[in-house]
């Protein structure tokens, strides 16, 4: 018994993850025949914009980072909103890694390290101030993280956790450098993100 909504949500997700790819889904069952088509030229940037629809955003433009080497590819899209929940969707070879894994660990540590480095260089944090915690930085975060690798190792009860240890360093170094460059080139957006993180820390 196929569920139209379950399948259409998955096809929409795949269209977001593979920018420019058109997926046409037709349900020919006689009670309710219908066809939907998905294509997103913006890829995961459009995905994040969709997730943050109807929310007040902190950085107007979605931050997009991509990088690759001989064996691995990385795409990350990041936008903060004025809410309190954290929403990170991670994928490996188009498979949703609902339990996270090494790529998500690398993402979180890069984000924490980079925002703190930017905060200190901009004098938003003084020498005596402690670093902002990852939890406070990720409050109001919407992010889509997509990696592609030649030999993925999936772990966990439902095989939805990426176990390749090399992905942690790959994501951390590539995202960290490019995100820091972005924040330095867009200091007002960077400061807005830091100020939101500091408010979260004070509230906690």
C-alpha atoms as a PDB file:
ATOM      1  CA  UNK A   1       0.000   0.000   0.000  1.00  0.00           C
ATOM      2  CA  UNK A   2       1.884   3.043  -1.240  1.00  0.00           C
ATOM      3  CA  UNK A   3       1.454   6.353   0.560  1.00  0.00           C
ATOM      4  CA  UNK A   4       1.483   9.276  -1.857  1.00  0.00           C
ATOM      5  CA  UNK A   5       2.605  11.834   0.728  1.00  0.00           C
ATOM      6  CA  UNK A   6       5.504   9.676   1.965  1.00  0.00           C
ATOM      7  CA  UNK A   7       6.809   9.088  -1.549  1.00  0.00           C
ATOM      8  CA  UNK A   8       6.307  12.671  -2.733  1.00  0.00           C
ATOM      9  CA  UNK A   9       8.185  13.997   0.325  1.00  0.00           C
ATOM     10  CA  UNK A  10      11.122  11.689  -0.466  1.00  0.00           C
ATOM     11  CA  UNK A  11      11.172  12.689  -4.144  1.00  0.00           C
ATOM     12  CA  UNK A  12      11.064  16.367  -3.198  1.00  0.00           C
ATOM     13  CA  UNK A  13      14.012  15.773  -0.851  1.00  0.00           C
ATOM     14  CA  UNK A  14      15.990  14.067  -3.649  1.00  0.00           C
ATOM     15  CA  UNK A  15      15.273  16.958  -6.015  1.00  0.00           C
ATOM     16  CA  UNK A  16      16.610  19.421  -3.414  1.00  0.00           C
ATOM     17  CA  UNK A  17      19.750  17.310  -2.902  1.00  0.00           C
ATOM     18  CA  UNK A  18      20.480  17.066  -6.641  1.00  0.00           C
ATOM     19  CA  UNK A  19      20.071  20.596  -7.967  1.00  0.00           C
ATOM     20  CA  UNK A  20      18.661  20.877 -11.457  1.00  0.00           C
ATOM     21  CA  UNK A  21      17.413  17.278 -11.488  1.00  0.00           C
ATOM     22  CA  UNK A  22      13.740  16.973 -12.450  1.00  0.00           C
ATOM     23  CA  UNK A  23      11.757  14.197 -10.761  1.00  0.00           C
ATOM     24  CA  UNK A  24       8.257  13.464 -12.052  1.00  0.00           C
ATOM     25  CA  UNK A  25       6.025  11.341  -9.836  1.00  0.00           C
ATOM     26  CA  UNK A  26       2.754   9.982 -11.207  1.00  0.00           C
ATOM     27  CA  UNK A  27       0.134   8.151  -9.171  1.00  0.00           C
ATOM     28  CA  UNK A  28      -2.097   6.225 -11.593  1.00  0.00           C
ATOM     29  CA  UNK A  29      -4.437   4.708  -9.043  1.00  0.00           C
ATOM     30  CA  UNK A  30      -7.967   5.256 -10.316  1.00  0.00           C
ATOM     31  CA  UNK A  31      -9.391   6.843  -7.168  1.00  0.00           C
ATOM     32  CA  UNK A  32      -7.102   9.878  -7.349  1.00  0.00           C
ATOM     33  CA  UNK A  33      -4.715  10.038 -10.338  1.00  0.00           C
ATOM     34  CA  UNK A  34      -2.204  12.866 -10.066  1.00  0.00           C
ATOM     35  CA  UNK A  35       1.257  13.934 -11.192  1.00  0.00           C
ATOM     36  CA  UNK A  36       3.751  16.144  -9.370  1.00  0.00           C
ATOM     37  CA  UNK A  37       7.096  17.407 -10.619  1.00  0.00           C
ATOM     38  CA  UNK A  38      10.040  18.572  -8.543  1.00  0.00           C
ATOM     39  CA  UNK A  39      13.068  20.546  -9.699  1.00  0.00           C
ATOM     40  CA  UNK A  40      15.138  22.992  -7.651  1.00  0.00           C
ATOM     41  CA  UNK A  41      17.873  24.956  -9.396  1.00  0.00           C
ATOM     42  CA  UNK A  42      18.931  26.287  -5.992  1.00  0.00           C
ATOM     43  CA  UNK A  43      19.508  22.796  -4.576  1.00  0.00           C
ATOM     44  CA  UNK A  44      19.931  22.664  -0.806  1.00  0.00           C
ATOM     45  CA  UNK A  45      19.849  26.478  -0.577  1.00  0.00           C
ATOM     46  CA  UNK A  46      16.229  26.249  -1.770  1.00  0.00           C
ATOM     47  CA  UNK A  47      15.735  23.428   0.770  1.00  0.00           C
ATOM     48  CA  UNK A  48      16.787  25.674   3.675  1.00  0.00           C
ATOM     49  CA  UNK A  49      14.681  28.559   2.349  1.00  0.00           C
ATOM     50  CA  UNK A  50      11.683  26.208   2.260  1.00  0.00           C
ATOM     51  CA  UNK A  51      12.350  25.015   5.840  1.00  0.00           C
ATOM     52  CA  UNK A  52      12.601  28.625   7.056  1.00  0.00           C
ATOM     53  CA  UNK A  53       9.510  29.802   5.196  1.00  0.00           C
ATOM     54  CA  UNK A  54       7.325  31.978   7.434  1.00  0.00           C
ATOM     55  CA  UNK A  55      10.132  32.387  10.003  1.00  0.00           C
ATOM     56  CA  UNK A  56      12.039  35.540  10.850  1.00  0.00           C
ATOM     57  CA  UNK A  57      15.563  34.978   9.546  1.00  0.00           C
ATOM     58  CA  UNK A  58      18.756  36.377  11.079  1.00  0.00           C
ATOM     59  CA  UNK A  59      20.942  36.132   7.956  1.00  0.00           C
ATOM     60  CA  UNK A  60      18.857  37.058   4.922  1.00  0.00           C
ATOM     61  CA  UNK A  61      20.948  35.090   2.432  1.00  0.00           C
ATOM     62  CA  UNK A  62      21.492  31.382   3.016  1.00  0.00           C
ATOM     63  CA  UNK A  63      25.201  30.658   3.625  1.00  0.00           C
ATOM     64  CA  UNK A  64      26.328  28.036   1.114  1.00  0.00           C
ATOM     65  CA  UNK A  65      29.600  26.116   1.212  1.00  0.00           C
ATOM     66  CA  UNK A  66      30.753  23.425  -1.189  1.00  0.00           C
ATOM     67  CA  UNK A  67      34.027  21.570  -1.426  1.00  0.00           C
ATOM     68  CA  UNK A  68      35.449  18.368  -2.844  1.00  0.00           C
ATOM     69  CA  UNK A  69      38.576  16.260  -3.119  1.00  0.00           C
ATOM     70  CA  UNK A  70      39.308  13.044  -5.037  1.00  0.00           C
ATOM     71  CA  UNK A  71      37.013  10.893  -2.889  1.00  0.00           C
ATOM     72  CA  UNK A  72      34.542  13.203  -1.147  1.00  0.00           C
ATOM     73  CA  UNK A  73      32.086  15.999  -1.840  1.00  0.00           C
ATOM     74  CA  UNK A  74      30.485  18.400   0.616  1.00  0.00           C
ATOM     75  CA  UNK A  75      27.545  20.797   0.341  1.00  0.00           C
ATOM     76  CA  UNK A  76      26.252  22.785   3.311  1.00  0.00           C
ATOM     77  CA  UNK A  77      23.500  25.411   3.486  1.00  0.00           C
ATOM     78  CA  UNK A  78      23.008  27.413   6.697  1.00  0.00           C
ATOM     79  CA  UNK A  79      20.486  30.011   7.814  1.00  0.00           C
ATOM     80  CA  UNK A  80      19.551  31.159  11.301  1.00  0.00           C
ATOM     81  CA  UNK A  81      16.046  32.145  12.337  1.00  0.00           C
ATOM     82  CA  UNK A  82      14.731  33.898  15.435  1.00  0.00           C
ATOM     83  CA  UNK A  83      13.284  30.678  16.887  1.00  0.00           C
ATOM     84  CA  UNK A  84      14.749  28.442  19.568  1.00  0.00           C
ATOM     85  CA  UNK A  85      14.914  25.030  17.949  1.00  0.00           C
ATOM     86  CA  UNK A  86      17.801  23.497  16.027  1.00  0.00           C
ATOM     87  CA  UNK A  87      17.042  21.804  12.705  1.00  0.00           C
ATOM     88  CA  UNK A  88      19.969  20.010  11.038  1.00  0.00           C
ATOM     89  CA  UNK A  89      19.166  17.620   8.200  1.00  0.00           C
ATOM     90  CA  UNK A  90      22.153  15.514   7.169  1.00  0.00           C
ATOM     91  CA  UNK A  91      22.576  13.169   4.216  1.00  0.00           C
ATOM     92  CA  UNK A  92      25.243  10.820   2.899  1.00  0.00           C
ATOM     93  CA  UNK A  93      24.956   9.776  -0.759  1.00  0.00           C
ATOM     94  CA  UNK A  94      21.343  11.039  -0.713  1.00  0.00           C
ATOM     95  CA  UNK A  95      20.492   8.783   2.254  1.00  0.00           C
ATOM     96  CA  UNK A  96      19.016  10.665   5.212  1.00  0.00           C
ATOM     97  CA  UNK A  97      21.256  10.144   8.247  1.00  0.00           C
ATOM     98  CA  UNK A  98      18.654  10.698  10.950  1.00  0.00           C
ATOM     99  CA  UNK A  99      21.096   9.505  13.640  1.00  0.00           C
ATOM    100  CA  UNK A 100      23.823  11.852  12.413  1.00  0.00           C
ATOM    101  CA  UNK A 101      27.338  10.488  12.329  1.00  0.00           C
ATOM    102  CA  UNK A 102      30.863  11.638  11.600  1.00  0.00           C
ATOM    103  CA  UNK A 103      29.891  14.264   8.986  1.00  0.00           C
ATOM    104  CA  UNK A 104      27.442  15.863  11.420  1.00  0.00           C
ATOM    105  CA  UNK A 105      30.050  15.855  14.212  1.00  0.00           C
ATOM    106  CA  UNK A 106      32.463  17.643  11.886  1.00  0.00           C
ATOM    107  CA  UNK A 107      29.770  20.161  10.974  1.00  0.00           C
ATOM    108  CA  UNK A 108      28.953  20.973  14.608  1.00  0.00           C
ATOM    109  CA  UNK A 109      32.567  21.356  15.702  1.00  0.00           C
ATOM    110  CA  UNK A 110      33.405  23.548  12.669  1.00  0.00           C
ATOM    111  CA  UNK A 111      30.423  25.795  13.359  1.00  0.00           C
ATOM    112  CA  UNK A 112      31.292  26.177  17.067  1.00  0.00           C
ATOM    113  CA  UNK A 113      34.994  26.828  16.444  1.00  0.00           C
ATOM    114  CA  UNK A 114      34.404  29.274  13.586  1.00  0.00           C
ATOM    115  CA  UNK A 115      31.742  31.379  15.309  1.00  0.00           C
ATOM    116  CA  UNK A 116      33.957  31.665  18.408  1.00  0.00           C
ATOM    117  CA  UNK A 117      37.010  32.614  16.303  1.00  0.00           C
ATOM    118  CA  UNK A 118      34.987  35.288  14.482  1.00  0.00           C
ATOM    119  CA  UNK A 119      33.551  36.559  17.813  1.00  0.00           C
ATOM    120  CA  UNK A 120      37.018  37.074  19.295  1.00  0.00           C
ATOM    121  CA  UNK A 121      38.472  38.670  16.170  1.00  0.00           C
ATOM    122  CA  UNK A 122      35.561  41.131  16.085  1.00  0.00           C
ATOM    123  CA  UNK A 123      35.868  41.855  19.845  1.00  0.00           C
ATOM    124  CA  UNK A 124      32.361  40.536  20.429  1.00  0.00           C
ATOM    125  CA  UNK A 125      33.933  38.228  23.021  1.00  0.00           C
ATOM    126  CA  UNK A 126      36.551  39.613  25.411  1.00  0.00           C
ATOM    127  CA  UNK A 127      39.625  37.682  26.509  1.00  0.00           C
ATOM    128  CA  UNK A 128      38.058  36.896  29.876  1.00  0.00           C
ATOM    129  CA  UNK A 129      34.775  35.663  28.324  1.00  0.00           C
ATOM    130  CA  UNK A 130      34.312  31.909  27.926  1.00  0.00           C
ATOM    131  CA  UNK A 131      33.693  30.462  24.475  1.00  0.00           C
ATOM    132  CA  UNK A 132      30.071  30.298  23.307  1.00  0.00           C
ATOM    133  CA  UNK A 133      28.826  26.706  23.526  1.00  0.00           C
ATOM    134  CA  UNK A 134      27.715  24.738  20.476  1.00  0.00           C
ATOM    135  CA  UNK A 135      24.188  24.435  21.887  1.00  0.00           C
ATOM    136  CA  UNK A 136      23.851  28.212  22.173  1.00  0.00           C
ATOM    137  CA  UNK A 137      25.234  28.785  18.672  1.00  0.00           C
ATOM    138  CA  UNK A 138      22.864  26.223  17.149  1.00  0.00           C
ATOM    139  CA  UNK A 139      19.734  27.749  18.699  1.00  0.00           C
ATOM    140  CA  UNK A 140      17.557  28.825  15.755  1.00  0.00           C
ATOM    141  CA  UNK A 141      19.814  27.095  13.224  1.00  0.00           C
ATOM    142  CA  UNK A 142      18.412  25.535  10.061  1.00  0.00           C
ATOM    143  CA  UNK A 143      21.015  23.605   8.072  1.00  0.00           C
ATOM    144  CA  UNK A 144      21.195  20.977   5.363  1.00  0.00           C
ATOM    145  CA  UNK A 145      24.435  18.989   5.184  1.00  0.00           C
ATOM    146  CA  UNK A 146      25.011  16.682   2.231  1.00  0.00           C
ATOM    147  CA  UNK A 147      28.146  14.591   1.671  1.00  0.00           C
ATOM    148  CA  UNK A 148      29.042  12.135  -1.049  1.00  0.00           C
ATOM    149  CA  UNK A 149      31.720   9.511  -0.561  1.00  0.00           C
ATOM    150  CA  UNK A 150      32.894   6.405  -2.369  1.00  0.00           C
ATOM    151  CA  UNK A 151      32.525   3.842   0.420  1.00  0.00           C
ATOM    152  CA  UNK A 152      29.930   4.915   3.023  1.00  0.00           C
ATOM    153  CA  UNK A 153      29.735   2.883   6.234  1.00  0.00           C
ATOM    154  CA  UNK A 154      26.313   3.106   7.838  1.00  0.00           C
ATOM    155  CA  UNK A 155      25.839   2.171  11.488  1.00  0.00           C
ATOM    156  CA  UNK A 156      23.165   2.236  14.163  1.00  0.00           C
ATOM    157  CA  UNK A 157      19.973   0.305  14.643  1.00  0.00           C
ATOM    158  CA  UNK A 158      18.415   1.571  11.428  1.00  0.00           C
ATOM    159  CA  UNK A 159      21.646   2.076   9.423  1.00  0.00           C
ATOM    160  CA  UNK A 160      21.092   5.832   9.380  1.00  0.00           C
ATOM    161  CA  UNK A 161      24.336   6.929  11.074  1.00  0.00           C
ATOM    162  CA  UNK A 162      27.473   7.606   9.028  1.00  0.00           C
ATOM    163  CA  UNK A 163      30.496   5.883  10.553  1.00  0.00           C
ATOM    164  CA  UNK A 164      33.336   6.924   8.209  1.00  0.00           C
ATOM    165  CA  UNK A 165      35.762   8.601  10.625  1.00  0.00           C
ATOM    166  CA  UNK A 166      37.589  10.520   7.864  1.00  0.00           C
ATOM    167  CA  UNK A 167      34.412  12.497   7.136  1.00  0.00           C
ATOM    168  CA  UNK A 168      34.659  14.352  10.441  1.00  0.00           C
ATOM    169  CA  UNK A 169      37.974  15.981   9.509  1.00  0.00           C
ATOM    170  CA  UNK A 170      36.945  16.529   5.892  1.00  0.00           C
ATOM    171  CA  UNK A 171      33.773  18.416   6.836  1.00  0.00           C
ATOM    172  CA  UNK A 172      35.370  20.242   9.756  1.00  0.00           C
ATOM    173  CA  UNK A 173      38.342  21.670   7.836  1.00  0.00           C
ATOM    174  CA  UNK A 174      36.504  22.512   4.602  1.00  0.00           C
ATOM    175  CA  UNK A 175      33.481  24.078   6.278  1.00  0.00           C
ATOM    176  CA  UNK A 176      35.522  25.896   8.930  1.00  0.00           C
ATOM    177  CA  UNK A 177      37.753  27.754   6.468  1.00  0.00           C
ATOM    178  CA  UNK A 178      35.003  28.749   4.070  1.00  0.00           C
ATOM    179  CA  UNK A 179      32.510  29.714   6.773  1.00  0.00           C
ATOM    180  CA  UNK A 180      35.101  31.928   8.459  1.00  0.00           C
ATOM    181  CA  UNK A 181      35.824  33.665   5.143  1.00  0.00           C
ATOM    182  CA  UNK A 182      32.090  34.212   4.627  1.00  0.00           C
ATOM    183  CA  UNK A 183      31.613  35.738   8.109  1.00  0.00           C
ATOM    184  CA  UNK A 184      34.586  38.072   7.616  1.00  0.00           C
ATOM    185  CA  UNK A 185      33.218  39.176   4.237  1.00  0.00           C
ATOM    186  CA  UNK A 186      29.715  39.692   5.701  1.00  0.00           C
ATOM    187  CA  UNK A 187      30.516  41.087   9.183  1.00  0.00           C
ATOM    188  CA  UNK A 188      27.049  42.494   9.889  1.00  0.00           C
ATOM    189  CA  UNK A 189      25.411  39.095   9.309  1.00  0.00           C
ATOM    190  CA  UNK A 190      28.181  37.451  11.344  1.00  0.00           C
ATOM    191  CA  UNK A 191      27.578  39.848  14.238  1.00  0.00           C
ATOM    192  CA  UNK A 192      23.823  39.177  14.137  1.00  0.00           C
ATOM    193  CA  UNK A 193      24.508  35.427  14.430  1.00  0.00           C
ATOM    194  CA  UNK A 194      26.933  35.972  17.330  1.00  0.00           C
ATOM    195  CA  UNK A 195      24.512  38.303  19.133  1.00  0.00           C
ATOM    196  CA  UNK A 196      21.749  35.699  18.868  1.00  0.00           C
ATOM    197  CA  UNK A 197      24.122  33.073  20.312  1.00  0.00           C
ATOM    198  CA  UNK A 198      25.065  35.373  23.195  1.00  0.00           C
ATOM    199  CA  UNK A 199      21.378  36.034  23.943  1.00  0.00           C
ATOM    200  CA  UNK A 200      20.806  32.275  24.047  1.00  0.00           C
ATOM    201  CA  UNK A 201      23.749  31.888  26.459  1.00  0.00           C
ATOM    202  CA  UNK A 202      22.451  34.669  28.740  1.00  0.00           C
ATOM    203  CA  UNK A 203      18.945  33.201  28.744  1.00  0.00           C
ATOM    204  CA  UNK A 204      20.315  29.782  29.670  1.00  0.00           C
END
